[in-house]
Amino acid sequence: MDTVQTDTGHGAAFLDSSAQLRCHRGLLERIAGPALPQDASLALVRDIAQNL
């Protein structure tokens, strides 16, 4: 990851400093850790949609 783009009500911001990138890498790792694998995630979404 060389650049992070964030979108706000005032437009896009591009973050590219080492500290900013390190912070966003850490966030992505924390999010990805507990995430379901792709096939399990798809099955969960399908199950929820069928039960609506």
Protein backbone atom coordinates (compact mmCIF):
# COMPACT_ATOMS: atom_id res chain seq x y z
CA MET A 1 0.00 0.00 0.00
CA ASP A 2 1.58 3.26 -1.13
CA THR A 3 -1.37 5.63 -0.78
CA VAL A 4 -4.64 5.62 1.12
CA GLN A 5 -7.59 7.57 -0.25
CA THR A 6 -10.28 8.72 2.16
CA ASP A 7 -13.51 10.29 0.97
CA THR A 8 -15.22 12.93 3.05
CA GLY A 9 -17.96 15.47 2.60
CA HIS A 10 -15.26 17.91 1.51
CA GLY A 11 -13.75 15.64 -1.14
CA ALA A 12 -10.98 13.07 -1.32
CA ALA A 13 -7.81 13.11 0.75
CA PHE A 14 -4.72 11.13 -0.14
CA LEU A 15 -2.55 9.89 2.71
CA ASP A 16 0.96 8.76 1.92
CA SER A 17 3.23 9.43 4.90
CA SER A 18 4.86 6.42 6.52
CA ALA A 19 2.98 6.97 9.80
CA GLN A 20 -0.40 7.28 8.08
CA LEU A 21 0.21 4.16 5.97
CA ARG A 22 1.39 2.19 9.01
CA CYS A 23 -1.81 3.17 10.83
CA HIS A 24 -4.03 2.08 7.94
CA ARG A 25 -2.15 -1.19 7.47
CA GLY A 26 -2.79 -1.94 11.13
CA LEU A 27 -6.49 -1.16 10.71
CA LEU A 28 -6.74 -3.48 7.70
CA GLU A 29 -5.01 -6.29 9.58
CA ARG A 30 -7.40 -5.90 12.54
CA ILE A 31 -10.41 -5.95 10.21
CA ALA A 32 -9.21 -8.90 8.13
CA GLY A 33 -8.30 -11.03 11.15
CA PRO A 34 -11.82 -11.94 12.31
CA ALA A 35 -13.40 -11.80 8.83
CA LEU A 36 -15.01 -14.90 7.41
CA PRO A 37 -13.42 -16.55 4.39
CA GLN A 38 -15.02 -15.46 1.11
CA ASP A 39 -17.14 -18.60 0.63
CA ALA A 40 -18.43 -18.54 4.21
CA SER A 41 -19.22 -14.84 3.94
CA LEU A 42 -21.19 -15.41 0.74
CA ALA A 43 -23.10 -18.29 2.33
CA LEU A 44 -23.96 -16.11 5.33
CA VAL A 45 -25.25 -13.28 3.13
CA ARG A 46 -27.33 -15.71 1.07
CA ASP A 47 -28.77 -17.28 4.22
CA ILE A 48 -29.73 -13.90 5.64
CA ALA A 49 -31.27 -12.80 2.33
CA GLN A 50 -33.38 -15.98 2.12
CA ASN A 51 -34.69 -15.44 5.63
CA LEU A 52 -35.85 -11.87 5.09
